[in-house]
Amino acid sequence: MILAMNKPLLLGLAISAILLTGLVIAGEAIYGTLATISYNISSSNNNQQIQVIPINFNLGNLTAGQSGSLVGKTNVTVLTSGTYELELKEDALGDVFSQFTVTISIANYTVTLQLHENNDYKLYLPAGTYTVDVKINYTVSQNPEGKSVINAPLLLLKYKGQNNNEENS
């Protein structure tokens, strides 16, 4: 008899539990990412000639024909005097840009690297710490390939050896 009187109550509790479970599941499915994080830790290797914290350029969402420019700054510590090579990594750029130019100022050098043209440059750097300014100018091609690039290397500074004052001509 008690069970018969509580059937509507039990049925109501069961329906409430199902609805509450559905709302919890729906609530978990609706969210927005408030922050993300990326970082790079250089290993403390005795053979390392360069210490740098990379500049992160985020071009955002791009559309066909869009142009723009960005600037960034970092410090580079050169531990060993010698010849270094600046290289524009074209594989990160793919067939997305009709024009992509990077101007780098380091020490007494101002170097311009371009997509599909002069994409590397050798310079002599004595040991020391340098402020590096980087400016990017770009134009997206009219028919860019669809792709997404996240934290891909764009510019490299590579130690090439201890040849004195060897530069590009």
Protein backbone atom coordinates (compact mmCIF):
# COMPACT_ATOMS: atom_id res chain seq x y z
CA MET A 1 0.00 0.00 0.00
CA ILE A 2 2.83 2.42 0.83
CA LEU A 3 4.46 1.45 -2.44
CA ALA A 4 1.26 2.12 -4.37
CA MET A 5 0.95 5.61 -2.83
CA ASN A 6 4.56 6.47 -3.61
CA LYS A 7 4.48 5.36 -7.28
CA PRO A 8 3.83 8.92 -8.52
CA LEU A 9 6.57 10.16 -6.19
CA LEU A 10 9.04 7.48 -7.37
CA LEU A 11 8.14 8.15 -11.00
CA GLY A 12 8.67 11.88 -10.46
CA LEU A 13 12.06 11.26 -8.82
CA ALA A 14 13.14 8.99 -11.69
CA ILE A 15 12.17 11.59 -14.31
CA SER A 16 13.95 14.32 -12.34
CA ALA A 17 17.11 12.19 -12.13
CA ILE A 18 17.06 11.56 -15.89
CA LEU A 19 16.57 15.26 -16.66
CA LEU A 20 19.30 16.30 -14.22
CA THR A 21 21.73 13.79 -15.78
CA GLY A 22 20.91 15.15 -19.25
CA LEU A 23 21.54 18.73 -18.10
CA VAL A 24 24.90 17.80 -16.53
CA ILE A 25 26.00 16.07 -19.74
CA ALA A 26 24.83 19.03 -21.86
CA GLY A 27 26.54 21.46 -19.51
CA GLU A 28 29.85 19.63 -19.88
CA ALA A 29 29.57 19.69 -23.69
CA ILE A 30 29.24 23.49 -23.82
CA TYR A 31 32.51 25.18 -22.93
CA GLY A 32 35.09 27.59 -24.28
CA THR A 33 38.84 27.36 -23.95
CA LEU A 34 39.93 30.32 -21.88
CA ALA A 35 43.68 29.90 -22.36
CA THR A 36 46.28 27.71 -24.02
CA ILE A 37 50.00 27.41 -23.33
CA SER A 38 53.08 26.66 -25.41
CA TYR A 39 56.68 26.74 -24.28
CA ASN A 40 60.16 25.59 -25.19
CA ILE A 41 62.90 24.64 -22.76
CA SER A 42 66.39 24.60 -24.19
CA SER A 43 68.52 21.79 -22.87
CA SER A 44 71.65 22.86 -21.04
CA ASN A 45 74.05 21.21 -23.49
CA ASN A 46 77.73 22.18 -23.28
CA ASN A 47 77.96 22.01 -27.11
CA GLN A 48 75.18 24.57 -27.56
CA GLN A 49 76.32 27.75 -29.36
CA ILE A 50 73.02 29.71 -29.25
CA GLN A 51 70.47 30.51 -26.54
CA VAL A 52 67.20 32.06 -27.68
CA ILE A 53 63.54 32.30 -26.69
CA PRO A 54 61.63 32.16 -30.00
CA ILE A 55 59.18 34.84 -31.12
CA ASN A 56 55.67 33.43 -31.63
CA PHE A 57 53.96 34.99 -34.65
CA ASN A 58 50.24 34.19 -34.83
CA LEU A 59 48.69 35.26 -38.14
CA GLY A 60 45.22 34.11 -37.03
CA ASN A 61 42.58 33.15 -39.56
CA LEU A 62 43.66 34.08 -43.08
CA THR A 63 41.62 34.64 -46.23
CA ALA A 64 42.58 34.67 -49.92
CA GLY A 65 44.32 37.90 -50.95
CA GLN A 66 44.74 39.14 -47.37
CA SER A 67 47.90 41.16 -46.62
CA GLY A 68 49.48 42.11 -43.35
CA SER A 69 52.59 42.64 -41.32
CA LEU A 70 53.81 41.73 -37.84
CA VAL A 71 56.83 42.67 -35.78
CA GLY A 72 58.58 40.87 -32.96
CA LYS A 73 61.67 41.14 -30.79
CA THR A 74 63.83 38.71 -28.84
CA ASN A 75 67.33 38.34 -27.44
CA VAL A 76 69.87 35.85 -28.73
CA THR A 77 72.98 34.85 -26.81
CA VAL A 78 75.79 33.58 -29.02
CA LEU A 79 78.18 31.51 -26.89
CA THR A 80 80.70 30.75 -29.66
CA SER A 81 82.00 33.28 -32.19
CA GLY A 82 81.65 32.04 -35.74
CA THR A 83 79.60 31.85 -38.89
CA TYR A 84 75.85 31.48 -38.43
CA GLU A 85 73.10 30.94 -40.97
CA LEU A 86 69.68 32.57 -40.87
CA GLU A 87 67.16 30.34 -42.64
CA LEU A 88 63.51 30.91 -43.58
CA LYS A 89 61.74 27.54 -43.26
CA GLU A 90 59.52 27.45 -46.33
CA ASP A 91 57.84 24.14 -45.46
CA ALA A 92 55.85 25.98 -42.75
CA LEU A 93 54.53 28.38 -45.40
CA GLY A 94 53.47 25.85 -48.05
CA ASP A 95 51.48 27.14 -51.00
CA VAL A 96 49.54 29.58 -48.86
CA PHE A 97 51.37 32.86 -49.55
CA SER A 98 52.01 34.66 -52.82
CA GLN A 99 54.43 36.95 -50.98
CA PHE A 100 56.22 36.39 -47.66
CA THR A 101 59.18 38.56 -46.64
CA VAL A 102 61.04 38.52 -43.33
CA THR A 103 63.44 41.31 -42.34
CA ILE A 104 65.80 40.48 -39.47
CA SER A 105 68.03 42.99 -37.69
CA ILE A 106 70.81 41.45 -35.57
CA ALA A 107 74.15 42.97 -34.56
CA ASN A 108 75.15 45.25 -37.47
CA TYR A 109 73.20 43.21 -40.03
CA THR A 110 69.82 43.78 -41.60
CA VAL A 111 68.86 40.72 -43.62
CA THR A 112 65.80 40.22 -45.83
CA LEU A 113 64.67 36.68 -46.58
CA GLN A 114 61.89 35.87 -49.06
CA LEU A 115 59.70 32.90 -49.81
CA HIS A 116 60.89 30.99 -52.94
CA GLU A 117 63.86 33.34 -53.46
CA ASN A 118 66.69 34.12 -51.06
CA ASN A 119 65.70 32.08 -48.02
CA ASP A 120 69.05 31.90 -46.21
CA TYR A 121 71.95 34.17 -45.27
CA LYS A 122 75.31 33.55 -43.60
CA LEU A 123 76.81 36.07 -41.19
CA TYR A 124 79.65 36.25 -38.68
CA LEU A 125 78.67 36.85 -35.04
CA PRO A 126 81.12 37.32 -32.20
CA ALA A 127 80.14 35.80 -28.84
CA GLY A 128 77.67 38.07 -27.03
CA THR A 129 74.02 38.88 -26.48
CA TYR A 130 72.06 40.55 -29.27
CA THR A 131 68.61 42.11 -29.59
CA VAL A 132 66.92 40.70 -32.68
CA ASP A 133 64.10 42.55 -34.44
CA VAL A 134 61.96 40.61 -36.91
CA LYS A 135 59.35 42.05 -39.29
CA ILE A 136 57.10 39.90 -41.46
CA ASN A 137 55.18 41.17 -44.50
CA TYR A 138 52.82 38.73 -46.22
CA THR A 139 50.10 38.36 -48.82
CA VAL A 140 47.92 35.25 -48.96
CA SER A 141 47.62 33.77 -52.46
CA GLN A 142 44.30 33.91 -54.29
CA ASN A 143 43.88 30.11 -54.05
CA PRO A 144 45.62 29.06 -50.82
CA GLU A 145 45.75 25.41 -49.83
CA GLY A 146 43.62 24.71 -46.77
CA LYS A 147 45.86 24.06 -43.80
CA SER A 148 46.43 24.85 -40.17
CA VAL A 149 49.92 25.50 -38.79
CA ILE A 150 50.64 25.62 -35.06
CA ASN A 151 54.07 26.48 -33.59
CA ALA A 152 55.98 25.41 -36.72
CA PRO A 153 59.57 26.67 -37.01
CA LEU A 154 59.73 29.75 -39.25
CA LEU A 155 63.24 31.19 -38.78
CA LEU A 156 66.33 29.28 -37.75
CA LEU A 157 69.70 30.57 -36.61
CA LYS A 158 72.25 27.76 -37.09
CA TYR A 159 75.89 27.60 -36.11
CA LYS A 160 77.97 26.75 -39.19
CA GLY A 161 81.54 26.91 -37.85
CA GLN A 162 84.36 29.15 -36.74
CA ASN A 163 85.31 30.62 -40.12
CA ASN A 164 86.27 34.24 -39.44
CA ASN A 165 84.13 36.96 -40.98
CA GLU A 166 82.53 34.74 -43.63
CA GLU A 167 79.40 36.40 -45.00
CA ASN A 168 77.08 36.12 -47.99
CA SER A 169 78.18 38.16 -50.95
